[in-house]
């Protein structure tokens, strides 16, 4: 385990203005003196601020008193790291369990302090080792009948990475060895992540939110008074449903915490899923559209590029919810098939307009009378016997580039004969304050039609939906 600390150097810069005397002598006219005076704006200094991440942890494995991370409690702080009150090297921290069994559990709570300035905190990690370590007699029978990773290969990849379940949540910072887990009020277990350890690493990095009750992630405040709440809670479990397939398997992994200054910086989260981005998860699942859904409260503006069998509405921009039909342009899709095409979607707050530009000016649609956005941005792809790939998504708000923690694109692809289309989206978690003074959304879209593409309306489509 390691943390990332960013500490600026301290420098004192003195700015002084020296006195300048002025005198003159006039040739042949006698001596002439000029009144003079000098005032100095001196004694100036500039000092860089401090930005240093510290991580406190408390943990247990299985029973109270059995440490999770090599010690029941400690502080990770570079050369000043401690465990159980003893100074140790940061490299000495580690999650070490020698006799893992089905039914085993572990808990680790991490709290954060950033001296002296607020900072955005991200976390994640990677598996550095995933070994089968041979077969025991009972495991060899299980492995031969369905080894999850490398069937029948005693030197292959183990199953523990897929067997271990991880829930990542917000806690109130009051957990201690042997205590009761207390989730932050208004949150619940697995709010940040719930799944296998392999899936946790695949989804990294994650953006920590100092105030989960708000739409966008808030930075951890700068503090020299100690660790602040909320904290991050990891709960590990090997379910009792897991059997002999994990015998002798071993994994090694790193968990990293990274902080970056919040001043003059915008970090926001992004996520990807299937279904209509503005619908609820219930609507998407009940309708068979997908598994996700961001449940937008309202829609301020939309844009759509689609294949239209009637040669209408192939590029459209609109204000409000519903079909974006306020301004329509036709697109000749033939030269665009299989080619990455740049796009921009621009909201001009002063003019009250939204402009969708596909192909660097090749096809442009503008809607007027657009109301100020209230929240998130969704980009969704729809594909039937085709592939729609949205990539390199970027956002600039009021001239400031937003950094997203999460995916920067999404792909929808369908090749199932008479089956239905696939709908997938990427959602950008922005709020009204982010977008109020205008924004420019950009990226690339690649639409690839298969030989049996039916040519139906919205058989391929690329939508932009702004809450």
Protein backbone atom coordinates (compact mmCIF):
# COMPACT_ATOMS: atom_id res chain seq x y z
CA UNK A 1 0.00 0.00 0.00
CA UNK A 2 1.18 3.49 -0.71
CA UNK A 3 -0.15 7.02 -0.58
CA UNK A 4 0.80 9.90 -2.72
CA UNK A 5 1.90 13.07 -0.96
CA UNK A 6 2.36 16.32 -2.75
CA UNK A 7 4.31 18.89 -0.76
CA UNK A 8 5.31 22.17 -2.33
CA UNK A 9 8.66 23.66 -1.37
CA UNK A 10 8.83 26.72 0.87
CA UNK A 11 10.54 29.74 -0.56
CA UNK A 12 10.76 33.29 0.63
CA UNK A 13 10.95 35.92 -2.04
CA UNK A 14 11.86 39.46 -0.99
CA UNK A 15 10.90 42.29 -3.25
CA UNK A 16 12.53 45.62 -2.49
CA UNK A 17 12.79 48.94 -4.26
CA UNK A 18 16.04 50.79 -3.67
CA UNK A 19 16.34 54.54 -3.31
CA UNK A 20 17.39 56.48 -6.37
CA UNK A 21 19.01 59.90 -6.00
CA UNK A 22 18.74 62.42 -8.81
CA UNK A 23 21.02 65.42 -9.27
CA UNK A 24 21.98 67.62 -12.20
CA UNK A 25 24.56 70.28 -13.01
CA UNK A 26 23.87 72.91 -15.67
CA UNK A 27 26.96 73.80 -17.71
CA UNK A 28 27.77 77.52 -17.46
CA UNK A 29 24.59 78.25 -15.54
CA UNK A 30 25.72 77.47 -12.01
CA UNK A 31 24.53 74.57 -9.88
CA UNK A 32 20.89 73.54 -10.05
CA UNK A 33 19.31 71.14 -7.53
CA UNK A 34 15.96 69.38 -7.91
CA UNK A 35 13.80 68.47 -4.98
CA UNK A 36 13.62 64.71 -4.66
CA UNK A 37 12.14 62.10 -2.39
CA UNK A 38 11.83 58.30 -2.49
CA UNK A 39 9.39 56.00 -0.73
CA UNK A 40 10.00 52.26 -0.72
CA UNK A 41 7.41 49.48 -0.78
CA UNK A 42 9.77 46.99 0.81
CA UNK A 43 9.69 43.97 3.06
CA UNK A 44 7.55 41.91 0.66
CA UNK A 45 7.57 38.12 0.76
CA UNK A 46 5.79 35.25 -0.93
CA UNK A 47 5.58 31.77 0.53
CA UNK A 48 4.25 28.65 -1.15
CA UNK A 49 1.46 26.88 0.68
CA UNK A 50 1.56 23.38 2.07
CA UNK A 51 -0.14 20.35 0.55
CA UNK A 52 0.58 17.07 2.31
CA UNK A 53 -1.72 14.03 2.40
CA UNK A 54 -1.86 11.81 5.49
CA UNK A 55 -3.96 8.66 5.79
CA UNK A 56 -5.10 7.16 9.09
CA UNK A 57 -6.34 3.58 9.17
CA UNK A 58 -8.05 1.21 11.57
CA UNK A 59 -8.79 -2.37 10.68
CA UNK A 60 -9.38 -5.95 11.67
CA UNK A 61 -9.50 -9.37 10.03
CA UNK A 62 -12.23 -11.79 11.10
CA UNK A 63 -12.17 -11.25 14.86
CA UNK A 64 -11.49 -8.17 17.03
CA UNK A 65 -7.79 -7.77 17.58
CA UNK A 66 -6.78 -9.52 14.36
CA UNK A 67 -5.23 -6.74 12.26
CA UNK A 68 -6.20 -6.20 8.64
CA UNK A 69 -3.26 -4.19 7.32
CA UNK A 70 -0.41 -5.56 9.40
CA UNK A 71 -1.43 -3.43 12.37
CA UNK A 72 -4.69 -2.57 14.11
CA UNK A 73 -4.20 1.16 13.54
CA UNK A 74 -1.69 3.59 12.14
CA UNK A 75 -0.93 6.65 10.03
CA UNK A 76 0.57 6.50 6.54
CA UNK A 77 2.73 9.60 6.12
CA UNK A 78 5.91 8.78 4.23
CA UNK A 79 8.94 8.62 6.53
CA UNK A 80 6.69 9.64 9.44
CA UNK A 81 4.42 6.59 9.09
CA UNK A 82 3.42 4.82 12.30
CA UNK A 83 1.68 1.57 13.22
CA UNK A 84 0.40 0.95 16.75
CA UNK A 85 2.41 3.97 17.86
CA UNK A 86 5.71 2.74 16.38
CA UNK A 87 7.49 4.50 13.51
CA UNK A 88 7.78 2.20 10.50
CA UNK A 89 8.52 2.56 6.81
CA UNK A 90 5.63 3.17 4.45
CA UNK A 91 6.68 0.06 2.50
CA UNK A 92 6.07 -2.05 5.62
CA UNK A 93 2.30 -1.63 5.37
CA UNK A 94 0.56 -4.56 3.77
CA UNK A 95 -2.58 -6.69 3.74
CA UNK A 96 -1.22 -10.11 4.71
CA UNK A 97 -3.49 -13.10 5.40
CA UNK A 98 -1.94 -16.56 5.30
CA UNK A 99 -4.97 -18.80 5.86
CA UNK A 100 -7.91 -17.30 4.00
CA UNK A 101 -11.09 -19.40 4.05
CA UNK A 102 -14.70 -19.12 2.83
CA UNK A 103 -16.60 -17.01 5.35
CA UNK A 104 -13.62 -14.81 6.26
CA UNK A 105 -14.17 -11.06 6.50
CA UNK A 106 -12.05 -7.96 6.92
CA UNK A 107 -12.64 -4.26 7.57
CA UNK A 108 -10.42 -1.27 6.95
CA UNK A 109 -11.34 2.37 7.60
CA UNK A 110 -9.25 5.15 6.04
CA UNK A 111 -9.48 8.79 7.13
CA UNK A 112 -7.70 11.71 5.49
CA UNK A 113 -5.93 14.93 6.36
CA UNK A 114 -4.49 17.39 3.86
CA UNK A 115 -2.20 20.15 5.12
CA UNK A 116 -3.02 23.03 4.53
CA UNK A 117 -5.08 23.46 1.36
CA UNK A 118 -8.21 21.66 0.12
CA UNK A 119 -7.68 18.86 -2.36
CA UNK A 120 -9.56 16.36 -4.47
CA UNK A 121 -8.88 12.78 -3.43
CA UNK A 122 -8.94 9.78 -5.76
CA UNK A 123 -8.24 6.17 -4.93
CA UNK A 124 -7.87 2.83 -6.63
CA UNK A 125 -5.24 0.16 -7.03
CA UNK A 126 -4.15 -2.86 -8.98
CA UNK A 127 -3.58 -6.57 -8.55
CA UNK A 128 0.14 -7.28 -8.74
CA UNK A 129 -0.13 -11.06 -8.35
CA UNK A 130 -2.89 -13.64 -8.89
CA UNK A 131 -1.57 -17.19 -8.59
CA UNK A 132 -3.07 -20.67 -8.60
CA UNK A 133 -0.07 -22.12 -6.70
CA UNK A 134 -0.81 -25.66 -7.80
CA UNK A 135 -3.76 -27.85 -6.84
CA UNK A 136 -4.63 -29.67 -3.67
CA UNK A 137 -6.45 -32.97 -4.11
CA UNK A 138 -9.96 -31.51 -3.53
CA UNK A 139 -9.17 -28.42 -5.63
CA UNK A 140 -7.97 -30.44 -8.61
CA UNK A 141 -11.42 -32.03 -8.95
CA UNK A 142 -13.10 -28.64 -8.81
CA UNK A 143 -10.59 -27.10 -11.22
CA UNK A 144 -10.99 -29.82 -13.82
CA UNK A 145 -14.75 -29.31 -13.77
CA UNK A 146 -14.68 -25.57 -14.26
CA UNK A 147 -11.67 -23.54 -13.24
CA UNK A 148 -12.81 -19.93 -13.60
CA UNK A 149 -9.65 -18.57 -15.20
CA UNK A 150 -7.11 -21.13 -16.50
CA UNK A 151 -8.94 -24.44 -16.53
CA UNK A 152 -6.77 -27.33 -15.42
CA UNK A 153 -3.60 -25.20 -15.32
CA UNK A 154 -1.96 -25.56 -11.92
CA UNK A 155 0.47 -22.75 -12.77
CA UNK A 156 -2.19 -20.42 -14.14
CA UNK A 157 -4.29 -17.64 -12.68
CA UNK A 158 -6.10 -18.24 -9.40
CA UNK A 159 -9.75 -17.67 -8.55
CA UNK A 160 -9.39 -15.59 -5.39
CA UNK A 161 -9.46 -12.26 -7.21
CA UNK A 162 -12.93 -13.13 -8.51
CA UNK A 163 -14.12 -14.81 -5.31
CA UNK A 164 -13.41 -11.97 -2.87
CA UNK A 165 -16.27 -9.45 -2.54
CA UNK A 166 -15.51 -5.82 -1.72
CA UNK A 167 -17.87 -3.09 -0.53
CA UNK A 168 -16.56 0.48 -0.41
CA UNK A 169 -18.62 3.00 1.55
CA UNK A 170 -18.51 6.28 3.47
CA UNK A 171 -18.16 6.02 7.26
CA UNK A 172 -18.44 8.55 10.06
CA UNK A 173 -14.84 7.97 11.16
CA UNK A 174 -15.70 6.36 14.49
CA UNK A 175 -14.71 2.78 13.69
CA UNK A 176 -12.02 1.21 15.83
CA UNK A 177 -10.65 -2.29 16.19
CA UNK A 178 -13.54 -4.52 17.21
CA UNK A 179 -16.08 -1.73 16.96
CA UNK A 180 -19.33 -1.54 15.06
CA UNK A 181 -19.27 -0.24 11.49
CA UNK A 182 -21.08 3.10 11.26
CA UNK A 183 -21.93 4.38 7.79
CA UNK A 184 -22.14 8.11 7.18
CA UNK A 185 -25.76 9.23 7.72
CA UNK A 186 -27.61 9.35 4.42
CA UNK A 187 -25.35 6.72 2.85
CA UNK A 188 -25.31 2.93 2.93
CA UNK A 189 -23.02 -0.03 2.42
CA UNK A 190 -21.48 -0.23 -1.04
CA UNK A 191 -22.51 3.27 -2.14
CA UNK A 192 -19.12 3.82 -3.78
CA UNK A 193 -18.52 0.29 -5.03
CA UNK A 194 -19.83 -3.23 -4.53
CA UNK A 195 -18.48 -6.23 -6.42
CA UNK A 196 -15.47 -8.50 -6.76
CA UNK A 197 -11.95 -7.37 -6.06
CA UNK A 198 -11.15 -7.77 -9.76
CA UNK A 199 -14.06 -5.50 -10.67
CA UNK A 200 -12.92 -2.92 -8.11
CA UNK A 201 -9.51 -2.63 -9.72
CA UNK A 202 -11.02 -2.57 -13.23
CA UNK A 203 -13.24 0.39 -12.30
CA UNK A 204 -10.48 2.48 -10.70
CA UNK A 205 -9.85 5.29 -10.12
CA UNK A 206 -12.69 6.49 -7.89
CA UNK A 207 -13.35 10.05 -6.74
CA UNK A 208 -13.82 10.50 -2.99
CA UNK A 209 -16.62 12.92 -2.09
CA UNK A 210 -16.23 14.90 1.13
CA UNK A 211 -19.97 15.65 1.04
CA UNK A 212 -21.91 12.81 -0.63
CA UNK A 213 -25.21 14.66 -0.15
CA UNK A 214 -24.37 17.04 -3.02
CA UNK A 215 -24.42 16.27 -6.74
CA UNK A 216 -20.74 16.88 -7.48
CA UNK A 217 -17.79 15.62 -5.47
CA UNK A 218 -16.46 18.08 -2.89
CA UNK A 219 -12.74 18.27 -2.06
CA UNK A 220 -11.30 17.30 1.29
CA UNK A 221 -10.83 20.57 3.19
CA UNK A 222 -7.35 21.65 4.15
CA UNK A 223 -6.71 21.13 7.85
CA UNK A 224 -3.84 21.26 10.31
CA UNK A 225 -6.06 20.14 13.20
CA UNK A 226 -6.32 16.45 12.38
CA UNK A 227 -8.25 14.00 10.22
CA UNK A 228 -11.63 15.01 8.85
CA UNK A 229 -14.86 13.12 8.24
CA UNK A 230 -16.23 11.33 6.35
CA UNK A 231 -13.84 8.43 5.98
CA UNK A 232 -13.57 5.58 3.50
CA UNK A 233 -14.61 2.08 4.56
CA UNK A 234 -13.46 -1.13 2.85
CA UNK A 235 -15.26 -4.36 3.75
CA UNK A 236 -13.82 -7.62 2.38
CA UNK A 237 -15.54 -11.01 2.37
CA UNK A 238 -14.97 -14.46 0.92
CA UNK A 239 -18.55 -15.79 0.70
CA UNK A 240 -19.34 -19.21 2.12
CA UNK A 241 -20.62 -20.15 -1.34
CA UNK A 242 -16.99 -20.21 -2.52
CA UNK A 243 -15.55 -23.70 -2.50
CA UNK A 244 -12.37 -25.66 -3.07
CA UNK A 245 -11.44 -23.71 -6.20
CA UNK A 246 -9.62 -21.08 -4.10
CA UNK A 247 -7.45 -23.51 -2.13
CA UNK A 248 -3.78 -22.38 -2.12
CA UNK A 249 -4.61 -19.41 -4.40
CA UNK A 250 -2.86 -16.15 -3.53
CA UNK A 251 -3.22 -12.53 -4.57
CA UNK A 252 -1.15 -9.42 -3.98
CA UNK A 253 -2.39 -5.92 -4.65
CA UNK A 254 -1.81 -2.21 -4.03
CA UNK A 255 -4.34 0.38 -2.90
CA UNK A 256 -3.40 3.99 -3.67
CA UNK A 257 -4.73 7.32 -2.43
CA UNK A 258 -3.91 10.40 -4.51
CA UNK A 259 -4.59 14.05 -3.72
CA UNK A 260 -4.42 17.10 -5.98
CA UNK A 261 -5.10 20.72 -5.11
CA UNK A 262 -8.67 21.93 -5.57
CA UNK A 263 -7.92 25.61 -6.14
CA UNK A 264 -7.98 26.56 -9.85
CA UNK A 265 -8.93 22.96 -10.59
CA UNK A 266 -12.17 21.10 -11.37
CA UNK A 267 -12.42 17.35 -10.84
CA UNK A 268 -15.71 15.65 -11.55
CA UNK A 269 -16.83 12.04 -11.73
CA UNK A 270 -18.00 10.21 -14.84
CA UNK A 271 -19.66 6.82 -15.18
CA UNK A 272 -20.85 4.50 -17.94
CA UNK A 273 -23.75 2.06 -18.11
CA UNK A 274 -26.46 0.73 -20.41
CA UNK A 275 -29.92 2.19 -21.04
CA UNK A 276 -31.24 5.71 -21.54
CA UNK A 277 -29.12 8.15 -19.54
CA UNK A 278 -31.98 10.45 -18.48
CA UNK A 279 -34.35 7.63 -17.46
CA UNK A 280 -34.44 5.90 -14.09
CA UNK A 281 -32.86 2.52 -13.49
CA UNK A 282 -36.33 1.05 -12.95
CA UNK A 283 -37.59 2.32 -16.32
CA UNK A 284 -34.52 0.97 -18.13
CA UNK A 285 -34.63 -2.43 -16.47
CA UNK A 286 -38.40 -2.88 -16.83
CA UNK A 287 -38.26 -1.80 -20.47
CA UNK A 288 -35.28 -4.00 -21.29
CA UNK A 289 -33.20 -0.98 -22.33
CA UNK A 290 -30.29 -1.60 -19.96
CA UNK A 291 -29.11 -1.85 -16.37
CA UNK A 292 -28.39 1.80 -15.56
CA UNK A 293 -30.11 5.17 -15.66
CA UNK A 294 -29.27 8.53 -14.08
CA UNK A 295 -32.90 9.68 -13.64
CA UNK A 296 -32.47 13.30 -14.77
CA UNK A 297 -34.89 15.63 -13.01
CA UNK A 298 -35.50 17.60 -16.19
CA UNK A 299 -33.91 18.19 -19.60
CA UNK A 300 -32.64 21.65 -20.57
CA UNK A 301 -31.24 20.91 -24.03
CA UNK A 302 -30.59 18.01 -26.38
CA UNK A 303 -28.70 17.07 -29.50
CA UNK A 304 -28.98 14.06 -31.75
CA UNK A 305 -27.18 12.60 -34.74
CA UNK A 306 -29.00 9.57 -36.11
CA UNK A 307 -29.59 7.50 -39.18
CA UNK A 308 -33.01 8.57 -40.43
CA UNK A 309 -34.66 6.32 -42.94
CA UNK A 310 -36.82 9.19 -44.16
CA UNK A 311 -33.80 11.51 -44.52
CA UNK A 312 -35.10 13.91 -41.89
CA UNK A 313 -33.93 14.86 -38.43
CA UNK A 314 -30.57 13.27 -39.06
CA UNK A 315 -28.89 16.03 -37.06
CA UNK A 316 -31.08 17.94 -34.62
CA UNK A 317 -30.76 20.27 -31.65
CA UNK A 318 -33.53 21.34 -29.32
CA UNK A 319 -34.44 23.08 -26.08
CA UNK A 320 -36.18 21.11 -23.35
CA UNK A 321 -37.24 17.49 -23.27
CA UNK A 322 -38.65 15.42 -26.11
CA UNK A 323 -37.55 15.04 -29.70
CA UNK A 324 -34.83 17.62 -30.50
CA UNK A 325 -36.60 18.99 -33.56
CA UNK A 326 -36.11 22.74 -33.27
CA UNK A 327 -33.31 22.79 -35.83
CA UNK A 328 -32.63 19.94 -38.25
CA UNK A 329 -29.87 19.22 -40.74
CA UNK A 330 -29.36 16.33 -43.14
CA UNK A 331 -26.21 14.20 -43.02
CA UNK A 332 -24.72 12.08 -45.78
CA UNK A 333 -23.55 9.12 -43.71
CA UNK A 334 -21.72 7.36 -46.53
CA UNK A 335 -18.31 9.07 -46.12
CA UNK A 336 -18.59 8.91 -42.32
CA UNK A 337 -19.02 5.14 -42.03
CA UNK A 338 -16.16 3.73 -39.93
CA UNK A 339 -14.43 7.11 -39.59
CA UNK A 340 -13.80 8.93 -36.30
CA UNK A 341 -15.65 12.24 -36.62
CA UNK A 342 -15.01 15.13 -34.20
CA UNK A 343 -18.00 16.80 -32.56
CA UNK A 344 -18.69 19.79 -30.33
CA UNK A 345 -21.79 20.77 -28.41
CA UNK A 346 -21.68 24.38 -27.24
CA UNK A 347 -23.96 26.20 -24.82
CA UNK A 348 -23.76 30.01 -25.07
CA UNK A 349 -25.32 31.40 -21.90
CA UNK A 350 -25.39 35.00 -23.16
CA UNK A 351 -27.20 34.12 -26.39
CA UNK A 352 -29.28 31.30 -24.92
CA UNK A 353 -28.27 28.93 -27.73
CA UNK A 354 -27.08 25.35 -28.05
CA UNK A 355 -25.07 24.36 -31.13
CA UNK A 356 -24.28 20.81 -32.22
CA UNK A 357 -21.37 20.61 -34.68
CA UNK A 358 -20.52 17.27 -36.28
CA UNK A 359 -17.40 17.03 -38.43
CA UNK A 360 -15.74 20.39 -37.71
CA UNK A 361 -18.38 22.49 -39.43
CA UNK A 362 -19.61 19.90 -41.92
CA UNK A 363 -23.01 19.63 -40.22
CA UNK A 364 -24.18 22.26 -37.73
CA UNK A 365 -27.49 22.61 -35.89
CA UNK A 366 -28.40 25.42 -33.46
CA UNK A 367 -31.34 25.77 -31.09
CA UNK A 368 -32.42 29.08 -29.55
CA UNK A 369 -34.26 29.96 -26.37
CA UNK A 370 -32.30 27.40 -24.37
CA UNK A 371 -32.68 27.61 -20.59
CA UNK A 372 -29.71 27.40 -18.25
CA UNK A 373 -28.78 23.79 -17.45
CA UNK A 374 -29.39 22.42 -13.97
CA UNK A 375 -26.98 19.53 -13.66
CA UNK A 376 -25.49 16.57 -15.46
CA UNK A 377 -24.55 15.84 -19.07
CA UNK A 378 -25.21 12.51 -20.75
CA UNK A 379 -23.89 11.15 -24.04
CA UNK A 380 -25.58 8.01 -25.29
CA UNK A 381 -25.00 5.64 -28.18
CA UNK A 382 -27.62 3.43 -29.87
CA UNK A 383 -26.69 0.62 -32.24
CA UNK A 384 -28.63 -2.03 -34.18
CA UNK A 385 -26.45 -4.19 -36.45
CA UNK A 386 -23.85 -1.48 -36.00
CA UNK A 387 -21.30 -0.05 -33.58
CA UNK A 388 -21.40 3.49 -32.20
CA UNK A 389 -18.24 4.49 -30.35
CA UNK A 390 -18.06 7.78 -28.41
CA UNK A 391 -14.51 8.59 -27.33
CA UNK A 392 -12.17 11.33 -26.05
CA UNK A 393 -15.01 13.20 -24.35
CA UNK A 394 -13.84 16.52 -22.89
CA UNK A 395 -15.58 19.46 -21.24
CA UNK A 396 -14.62 23.11 -20.82
CA UNK A 397 -16.77 25.26 -18.53
CA UNK A 398 -16.43 29.03 -18.63
CA UNK A 399 -12.96 28.56 -20.12
CA UNK A 400 -11.79 26.02 -17.51
CA UNK A 401 -11.02 22.44 -18.51
CA UNK A 402 -12.75 19.83 -16.35
CA UNK A 403 -10.82 16.70 -15.37
CA UNK A 404 -13.04 13.63 -15.16
CA UNK A 405 -12.34 10.70 -12.90
CA UNK A 406 -13.88 7.80 -14.78
CA UNK A 407 -14.54 6.84 -18.40
CA UNK A 408 -14.22 9.38 -21.21
CA UNK A 409 -16.44 7.51 -23.63
CA UNK A 410 -18.74 4.56 -24.25
CA UNK A 411 -19.51 2.03 -26.99
CA UNK A 412 -22.81 0.48 -28.06
CA UNK A 413 -22.61 -2.51 -30.39
CA UNK A 414 -25.19 -5.02 -31.59
CA UNK A 415 -24.84 -7.98 -33.94
CA UNK A 416 -27.65 -10.39 -33.19
CA UNK A 417 -29.75 -10.65 -36.34
CA UNK A 418 -33.36 -9.95 -35.42
CA UNK A 419 -32.55 -8.81 -31.87
CA UNK A 420 -32.94 -5.27 -30.57
CA UNK A 421 -30.44 -2.45 -30.45
CA UNK A 422 -28.00 -1.77 -27.63
CA UNK A 423 -28.16 1.54 -25.77
CA UNK A 424 -25.20 2.70 -23.67
CA UNK A 425 -24.20 6.02 -22.11
CA UNK A 426 -21.50 7.93 -20.31
CA UNK A 427 -22.69 10.45 -17.69
CA UNK A 428 -20.70 13.50 -16.59
CA UNK A 429 -21.52 14.56 -13.03
CA UNK A 430 -21.62 18.34 -13.30
CA UNK A 431 -23.99 20.76 -11.57
CA UNK A 432 -25.77 24.02 -12.39
CA UNK A 433 -22.91 26.16 -11.09
CA UNK A 434 -20.42 24.39 -13.36
CA UNK A 435 -22.46 24.99 -16.52
CA UNK A 436 -24.14 28.34 -15.80
CA UNK A 437 -21.64 30.50 -17.71
CA UNK A 438 -21.51 28.31 -20.79
CA UNK A 439 -19.68 25.16 -21.78
CA UNK A 440 -18.10 23.36 -24.72
CA UNK A 441 -18.46 19.58 -24.89
CA UNK A 442 -16.23 17.80 -27.40
CA UNK A 443 -15.05 14.38 -28.50
CA UNK A 444 -15.08 11.90 -31.36
CA UNK A 445 -17.80 9.56 -32.58
CA UNK A 446 -17.27 6.58 -34.88
CA UNK A 447 -20.30 4.92 -36.45
CA UNK A 448 -19.69 1.60 -38.19
CA UNK A 449 -22.55 -0.02 -40.08
CA UNK A 450 -22.57 -3.79 -40.54
CA UNK A 451 -23.52 -5.48 -43.79
CA UNK A 452 -26.96 -6.39 -42.46
CA UNK A 453 -27.71 -2.94 -41.05
CA UNK A 454 -31.49 -2.57 -41.49
CA UNK A 455 -31.50 1.18 -42.15
CA UNK A 456 -34.21 1.96 -39.61
CA UNK A 457 -34.66 5.29 -37.86
CA UNK A 458 -32.25 5.38 -34.92
CA UNK A 459 -30.72 2.09 -36.00
CA UNK A 460 -27.65 4.12 -35.18
CA UNK A 461 -27.83 7.26 -33.07
CA UNK A 462 -25.64 9.49 -30.95
CA UNK A 463 -27.45 11.66 -28.40
CA UNK A 464 -26.46 14.47 -26.05
CA UNK A 465 -28.78 15.17 -23.13
CA UNK A 466 -28.19 18.02 -20.67
CA UNK A 467 -30.13 18.09 -17.42
